[in-house]
Amino acid sequence: MILIVGGAGYIGSHINKMLSENGYETVVFDNLSYGHEDFVKWGHFERGDLGNIESIRKVFKKYTIDSVMHFAAFAYVGESVVDPQKYYRNNVLNTLNLLQVMLEFDVKRLVFSSTCATYGNPVEIPITENHPQNPINPYGRGKLMVETVLDDYSRAYDLNYVSLRYFNAAGADPEAEVGENHNPETHLIPLILDAAIGKRENIQIFGTDYETEDGTCIRDYIHVTDLADAHLKALKYLEDGGKSDYFNLGNGSGFSVQEVIERARQITGKTIVAVESDRRPGDPPVLVGSSDKIRSVLNWKPKYNDISVIIETAWNWHIKNNDVE
């Protein structure tokens, strides 16, 4: 049995589907603060909160848990700056609760959802796993704290983990059974698609004077199904006796904001109004990660690495869930 903590959210629901399709029995543990119960279409569902350690124990008593995947983190960078207590309490302290119960029940395998935000401002592109970790906001610092905790627990308690440092998760399940539904929404592609259906008046481009080919920021987008596949491979790696490790999770190539908008116009056939705005503080011109390590060690290879395919799957989900003709 695989426990998916935060499995009712965007990424967790896609991973739940892939695990189920690959013969795993799953149980989703989620407080539904950002997740959606109707996303739990596979396995069992237990509503609970990592802040309540007894509710965690209840799940471990009810099910025989073999491994844990942990996605239950707040992930709004701006909010983490204005309300760091919320982020440290949920993302760090509550993870300690989860780890405590895992040790109590002798569960020694964890796949952890980390982030490229642990690196901070890039000093080299592409970013490798050896890049200095100097996060510049509480969200990134909290994730790095958990990575440090996991390293210590691995040494002290023989807990084996894989930490996956995401770049920009995007797209939706190709069958459109689950997809991206955040409130509030901050990710570029769904915001662009909201503009395409008239849910937003326009899409803002924050900065057009960067030292890139078209002046807009370049980011590394990874399809959420490829991301799910990486988690499946990380789980199998641990099941086969693999030792604790960490991996970047991105395509290894980047697309500019302007390029993403233009591809979305082509795919949707809609008029998407783009408005140029000032740069946002802390936005690096280019943020692209090296995926060489995960390709080599876990034999992972993205299937949906074309930005047009990523946008098309997101658009199909968007149409289905917004009654667009």
Protein backbone atom coordinates (compact mmCIF):
# COMPACT_ATOMS: atom_id res chain seq x y z
CA MET A 1 0.00 0.00 0.00
CA ILE A 2 1.35 3.42 -0.99
CA LEU A 3 0.32 6.40 1.13
CA ILE A 4 -0.01 9.56 -0.99
CA VAL A 5 -0.03 12.54 1.34
CA GLY A 6 -1.61 15.46 -0.48
CA GLY A 7 -2.89 13.08 -3.14
CA ALA A 8 -6.04 15.09 -3.90
CA GLY A 9 -4.02 17.92 -5.43
CA TYR A 10 -2.74 18.57 -8.94
CA ILE A 11 0.42 16.49 -8.86
CA GLY A 12 -0.68 13.92 -6.29
CA SER A 13 -3.79 12.98 -8.27
CA HIS A 14 -1.77 12.30 -11.42
CA ILE A 15 0.63 10.13 -9.45
CA ASN A 16 -2.27 8.28 -7.83
CA LYS A 17 -3.58 7.44 -11.30
CA MET A 18 -0.20 6.20 -12.53
CA LEU A 19 0.45 4.09 -9.43
CA SER A 20 -2.99 2.50 -9.74
CA GLU A 21 -2.44 1.75 -13.41
CA ASN A 22 0.81 0.03 -12.46
CA GLY A 23 -0.78 -2.32 -9.96
CA TYR A 24 -0.19 -0.43 -6.72
CA GLU A 25 -2.88 -0.10 -4.07
CA THR A 26 -3.03 3.47 -2.81
CA VAL A 27 -4.52 5.52 0.00
CA VAL A 28 -4.77 9.30 -0.30
CA PHE A 29 -4.43 11.39 2.87
CA ASP A 30 -5.48 15.00 2.32
CA ASN A 31 -7.16 17.80 4.29
CA LEU A 32 -8.67 19.25 1.07
CA SER A 33 -7.44 22.77 1.85
CA TYR A 34 -6.23 22.94 -1.76
CA GLY A 35 -7.02 19.45 -3.01
CA HIS A 36 -10.27 18.15 -4.51
CA GLU A 37 -12.03 15.03 -3.30
CA ASP A 38 -13.34 14.36 -6.83
CA PHE A 39 -9.70 14.04 -7.94
CA VAL A 40 -9.37 10.91 -5.80
CA LYS A 41 -10.59 8.53 -8.49
CA TRP A 42 -8.31 5.65 -7.55
CA GLY A 43 -7.54 3.87 -4.29
CA HIS A 44 -8.82 4.80 -0.84
CA PHE A 45 -9.37 8.27 0.60
CA GLU A 46 -8.80 9.36 4.19
CA ARG A 47 -9.42 12.97 5.09
CA GLY A 48 -6.97 14.20 7.67
CA ASP A 49 -4.30 16.76 8.49
CA LEU A 50 -0.58 16.34 9.08
CA GLY A 51 -0.94 18.87 11.90
CA ASN A 52 -2.90 16.23 13.83
CA ILE A 53 -0.48 13.42 14.53
CA GLU A 54 -3.26 11.12 15.77
CA SER A 55 -5.00 11.36 12.39
CA ILE A 56 -1.76 10.21 10.76
CA ARG A 57 -1.46 7.30 13.17
CA LYS A 58 -5.06 6.32 12.43
CA VAL A 59 -4.21 5.82 8.75
CA PHE A 60 -1.09 3.79 9.53
CA LYS A 61 -3.14 1.58 11.89
CA LYS A 62 -5.91 1.08 9.34
CA TYR A 63 -3.68 0.25 6.36
CA THR A 64 -0.39 -1.59 5.96
CA ILE A 65 1.74 1.19 4.50
CA ASP A 66 4.85 0.12 2.58
CA SER A 67 6.02 3.50 1.22
CA VAL A 68 4.99 7.15 1.43
CA MET A 69 4.83 9.93 -1.19
CA HIS A 70 4.64 13.40 0.30
CA PHE A 71 3.04 16.33 -1.60
CA ALA A 72 1.19 18.12 1.21
CA ALA A 73 2.94 21.48 1.08
CA PHE A 74 1.81 25.05 0.55
CA ALA A 75 3.48 26.34 -2.61
CA TYR A 76 2.73 30.04 -3.16
CA VAL A 77 6.11 31.76 -3.04
CA GLY A 78 4.69 35.28 -2.51
CA GLU A 79 2.45 34.11 0.31
CA SER A 80 5.42 32.45 1.99
CA VAL A 81 7.13 35.84 2.17
CA VAL A 82 4.20 37.61 3.85
CA ASP A 83 3.18 34.66 6.06
CA PRO A 84 6.27 32.51 6.70
CA GLN A 85 4.78 30.99 9.86
CA LYS A 86 2.07 29.30 7.78
CA TYR A 87 4.73 27.75 5.56
CA TYR A 88 7.16 26.62 8.22
CA ARG A 89 4.36 25.14 10.31
CA ASN A 90 2.80 23.18 7.44
CA ASN A 91 5.76 22.40 5.22
CA VAL A 92 8.36 21.70 7.91
CA LEU A 93 6.74 20.97 11.28
CA ASN A 94 3.95 18.84 9.82
CA THR A 95 6.50 16.84 7.82
CA LEU A 96 8.22 16.01 11.11
CA ASN A 97 4.88 14.61 12.33
CA LEU A 98 4.67 12.40 9.25
CA LEU A 99 8.24 11.19 9.68
CA GLN A 100 7.64 10.43 13.37
CA VAL A 101 4.69 8.17 12.54
CA MET A 102 6.58 6.52 9.69
CA LEU A 103 9.34 5.57 12.14
CA GLU A 104 6.81 4.37 14.72
CA PHE A 105 5.36 1.98 12.14
CA ASP A 106 8.76 1.05 10.65
CA VAL A 107 7.99 2.54 7.21
CA LYS A 108 11.37 3.38 5.73
CA ARG A 109 10.71 4.55 2.14
CA LEU A 110 9.72 8.11 1.20
CA VAL A 111 9.47 10.00 -2.09
CA PHE A 112 9.51 13.71 -1.30
CA SER A 113 8.19 16.55 -3.43
CA SER A 114 10.91 19.20 -3.34
CA THR A 115 11.59 22.18 -5.58
CA CYS A 116 14.19 24.01 -7.63
CA ALA A 117 13.44 26.95 -5.29
CA THR A 118 16.02 25.42 -2.95
CA TYR A 119 18.72 26.66 -5.34
CA GLY A 120 17.78 30.33 -5.23
CA ASN A 121 19.12 32.61 -7.94
CA PRO A 122 21.02 30.51 -10.47
CA VAL A 123 24.77 31.00 -10.77
CA GLU A 124 24.98 28.59 -13.71
CA ILE A 125 22.60 27.28 -16.37
CA PRO A 126 21.54 24.54 -16.62
CA ILE A 127 21.22 23.99 -12.87
CA THR A 128 22.66 20.65 -11.74
CA GLU A 129 22.11 18.92 -8.41
CA ASN A 130 25.53 20.23 -7.31
CA HIS A 131 24.42 23.85 -7.70
CA PRO A 132 24.64 25.80 -4.40
CA GLN A 133 21.38 25.74 -2.42
CA ASN A 134 20.70 29.32 -1.37
CA PRO A 135 16.90 29.74 -1.34
CA ILE A 136 15.63 33.32 -1.38
CA ASN A 137 12.15 32.85 0.12
CA PRO A 138 10.54 30.93 3.01
CA TYR A 139 8.97 28.42 0.63
CA GLY A 140 12.36 27.38 -0.73
CA ARG A 141 14.00 27.55 2.69
CA GLY A 142 11.34 25.28 4.19
CA LYS A 143 11.83 22.68 1.46
CA LEU A 144 15.59 22.80 2.01
CA MET A 145 15.04 22.33 5.75
CA VAL A 146 13.07 19.17 5.04
CA GLU A 147 15.80 17.90 2.70
CA THR A 148 18.30 18.44 5.53
CA VAL A 149 16.04 16.60 7.97
CA LEU A 150 15.68 13.71 5.53
CA ASP A 151 19.45 13.46 5.16
CA ASP A 152 19.84 13.28 8.94
CA TYR A 153 17.00 10.76 9.32
CA SER A 154 18.48 8.64 6.57
CA ARG A 155 21.77 8.41 8.44
CA ALA A 156 20.26 7.90 11.89
CA TYR A 157 17.19 5.75 11.24
CA ASP A 158 17.92 3.98 7.94
CA LEU A 159 15.12 5.91 6.25
CA ASN A 160 15.62 5.78 2.49
CA TYR A 161 14.23 8.69 0.49
CA VAL A 162 14.28 10.25 -2.93
CA SER A 163 13.87 14.01 -3.08
CA LEU A 164 12.66 15.32 -6.45
CA ARG A 165 13.37 19.00 -7.12
CA TYR A 166 10.68 20.13 -9.52
CA PHE A 167 10.98 22.85 -12.07
CA ASN A 168 7.66 23.99 -13.64
CA ALA A 169 5.03 21.25 -13.56
CA ALA A 170 2.50 21.83 -16.34
CA GLY A 171 -0.08 20.18 -18.57
CA ALA A 172 -2.76 17.66 -17.63
CA ASP A 173 -3.56 13.98 -17.78
CA PRO A 174 -3.83 13.11 -21.52
CA GLU A 175 -7.18 11.38 -20.83
CA ALA A 176 -8.36 14.54 -19.00
CA GLU A 177 -9.47 12.57 -15.93
CA VAL A 178 -7.57 14.96 -13.64
CA GLY A 179 -5.86 18.27 -14.27
CA GLU A 180 -4.75 21.60 -12.87
CA ASN A 181 -7.28 23.44 -10.71
CA HIS A 182 -5.68 25.86 -8.25
CA ASN A 183 -7.41 28.61 -6.32
CA PRO A 184 -5.85 31.08 -6.60
CA GLU A 185 -4.14 30.18 -9.87
CA THR A 186 -0.59 31.46 -10.34
CA HIS A 187 0.86 29.14 -13.00
CA LEU A 188 1.50 30.61 -16.42
CA ILE A 189 -0.18 28.06 -18.71
CA PRO A 190 -3.58 27.87 -16.94
CA LEU A 191 -3.57 31.67 -16.64
CA ILE A 192 -3.01 31.95 -20.39
CA LEU A 193 -5.82 29.48 -21.02
CA ASP A 194 -8.11 31.44 -18.70
CA ALA A 195 -7.46 34.43 -20.95
CA ALA A 196 -8.23 32.28 -23.99
CA ILE A 197 -11.73 31.42 -22.68
CA GLY A 198 -12.46 34.93 -21.43
CA LYS A 199 -12.16 34.06 -17.76
CA ARG A 200 -9.43 36.71 -17.59
CA GLU A 201 -9.15 39.85 -19.69
CA ASN A 202 -5.49 39.28 -20.48
CA ILE A 203 -2.25 37.63 -19.52
CA GLN A 204 0.47 39.77 -18.00
CA ILE A 205 4.06 39.46 -19.10
CA PHE A 206 6.30 40.53 -16.24
CA GLY A 207 9.31 41.99 -18.02
CA THR A 208 10.16 42.11 -21.71
CA ASP A 209 13.70 43.46 -21.40
CA TYR A 210 15.55 40.42 -20.13
CA GLU A 211 18.71 39.24 -21.88
CA THR A 212 16.88 36.47 -23.74
CA GLU A 213 16.04 36.10 -27.41
CA ASP A 214 12.61 37.73 -27.14
CA GLY A 215 13.18 39.65 -23.89
CA THR A 216 10.91 37.47 -21.74
CA CYS A 217 11.83 34.97 -19.03
CA ILE A 218 12.68 31.39 -19.96
CA ARG A 219 11.45 28.50 -17.81
CA ASP A 220 11.74 24.73 -17.80
CA TYR A 221 8.30 23.08 -18.11
CA ILE A 222 7.75 19.40 -17.32
CA HIS A 223 4.53 17.60 -18.16
CA VAL A 224 2.77 16.38 -15.03
CA THR A 225 2.49 12.83 -16.44
CA ASP A 226 6.26 12.73 -16.99
CA LEU A 227 6.63 14.01 -13.45
CA ALA A 228 4.38 11.19 -12.22
CA ASP A 229 6.50 8.68 -14.11
CA ALA A 230 9.59 9.98 -12.33
CA HIS A 231 7.89 9.34 -8.98
CA LEU A 232 7.01 5.81 -10.05
CA LYS A 233 10.63 5.18 -11.04
CA ALA A 234 11.84 6.71 -7.75
CA LEU A 235 9.54 4.39 -5.81
CA LYS A 236 10.77 1.32 -7.69
CA TYR A 237 14.36 2.46 -7.13
CA LEU A 238 13.74 2.50 -3.37
CA GLU A 239 11.88 -0.82 -3.48
CA ASP A 240 14.91 -2.35 -5.21
CA GLY A 241 17.15 -1.23 -2.35
CA GLY A 242 18.29 2.11 -3.73
CA LYS A 243 19.89 4.47 -1.23
CA SER A 244 18.76 7.99 -0.43
CA ASP A 245 19.32 10.49 -3.24
CA TYR A 246 17.99 13.67 -4.84
CA PHE A 247 17.25 14.57 -8.44
CA ASN A 248 16.24 17.55 -10.52
CA LEU A 249 12.98 17.04 -12.34
CA GLY A 250 12.67 19.10 -15.51
CA ASN A 251 12.93 18.81 -19.25
CA GLY A 252 16.43 20.20 -19.43
CA SER A 253 15.30 22.82 -21.95
CA GLY A 254 13.41 26.07 -21.62
CA PHE A 255 10.63 28.06 -23.28
CA SER A 256 10.08 31.80 -23.01
CA VAL A 257 6.88 33.39 -21.73
CA GLN A 258 6.27 34.90 -25.17
CA GLU A 259 6.80 31.52 -26.84
CA VAL A 260 4.31 29.83 -24.51
CA ILE A 261 1.69 32.50 -25.20
CA GLU A 262 2.16 32.22 -28.96
CA ARG A 263 1.92 28.42 -28.91
CA ALA A 264 -1.27 28.72 -26.83
CA ARG A 265 -2.76 31.06 -29.45
CA GLN A 266 -2.01 28.51 -32.15
CA ILE A 267 -3.43 25.56 -30.20
CA THR A 268 -6.59 27.24 -28.90
CA GLY A 269 -7.35 29.35 -31.97
CA LYS A 270 -8.34 32.07 -29.54
CA THR A 271 -7.32 35.70 -29.22
CA ILE A 272 -5.13 35.96 -26.14
CA VAL A 273 -4.38 39.52 -25.12
CA ALA A 274 -0.91 39.94 -23.59
CA VAL A 275 -0.10 43.02 -21.51
CA GLU A 276 3.48 44.00 -20.82
CA SER A 277 4.20 44.78 -17.17
CA ASP A 278 7.27 45.59 -15.10
CA ARG A 279 9.63 42.88 -13.96
CA ARG A 280 8.83 41.10 -10.71
CA PRO A 281 11.55 41.24 -8.04
CA GLY A 282 13.60 38.06 -7.89
CA ASP A 283 12.65 36.66 -11.31
CA PRO A 284 15.84 35.32 -12.94
CA PRO A 285 16.00 35.62 -16.75
CA VAL A 286 16.56 31.90 -17.29
CA LEU A 287 15.68 28.98 -15.02
CA VAL A 288 16.45 25.62 -16.62
CA GLY A 289 17.57 22.46 -14.87
CA SER A 290 19.80 19.63 -15.95
CA SER A 291 17.99 16.28 -15.95
CA ASP A 292 21.10 14.25 -16.73
CA LYS A 293 21.27 12.63 -13.28
CA ILE A 294 17.70 11.33 -13.15
CA ARG A 295 17.95 10.09 -16.74
CA SER A 296 21.12 8.19 -15.88
CA VAL A 297 20.29 6.81 -12.42
CA LEU A 298 16.52 6.20 -12.70
CA ASN A 299 16.44 5.69 -16.47
CA TRP A 300 13.75 8.38 -16.71
CA LYS A 301 12.95 10.02 -20.02
CA PRO A 302 10.12 12.52 -20.62
CA LYS A 303 7.50 11.56 -23.22
CA TYR A 304 5.68 14.89 -23.38
CA ASN A 305 8.59 17.33 -23.62
CA ASP A 306 7.20 19.43 -26.51
CA ILE A 307 5.64 22.62 -25.14
CA SER A 308 2.82 22.35 -27.69
CA VAL A 309 1.84 18.92 -26.33
CA ILE A 310 2.00 20.23 -22.76
CA ILE A 311 -0.30 23.13 -23.64
CA GLU A 312 -2.64 20.93 -25.69
CA THR A 313 -3.27 18.53 -22.79
CA ALA A 314 -3.85 21.48 -20.46
CA TRP A 315 -6.26 22.99 -23.00
CA ASN A 316 -8.25 19.76 -23.30
CA TRP A 317 -8.66 19.70 -19.53
CA HIS A 318 -9.52 23.40 -19.48
CA ILE A 319 -12.23 22.96 -22.10
CA LYS A 320 -13.73 20.00 -20.28
CA ASN A 321 -13.93 21.82 -16.95
CA ASN A 322 -15.04 25.25 -18.14
CA ASP A 323 -17.78 24.27 -20.61
CA VAL A 324 -15.91 25.79 -23.55
CA GLU A 325 -17.10 25.04 -27.07
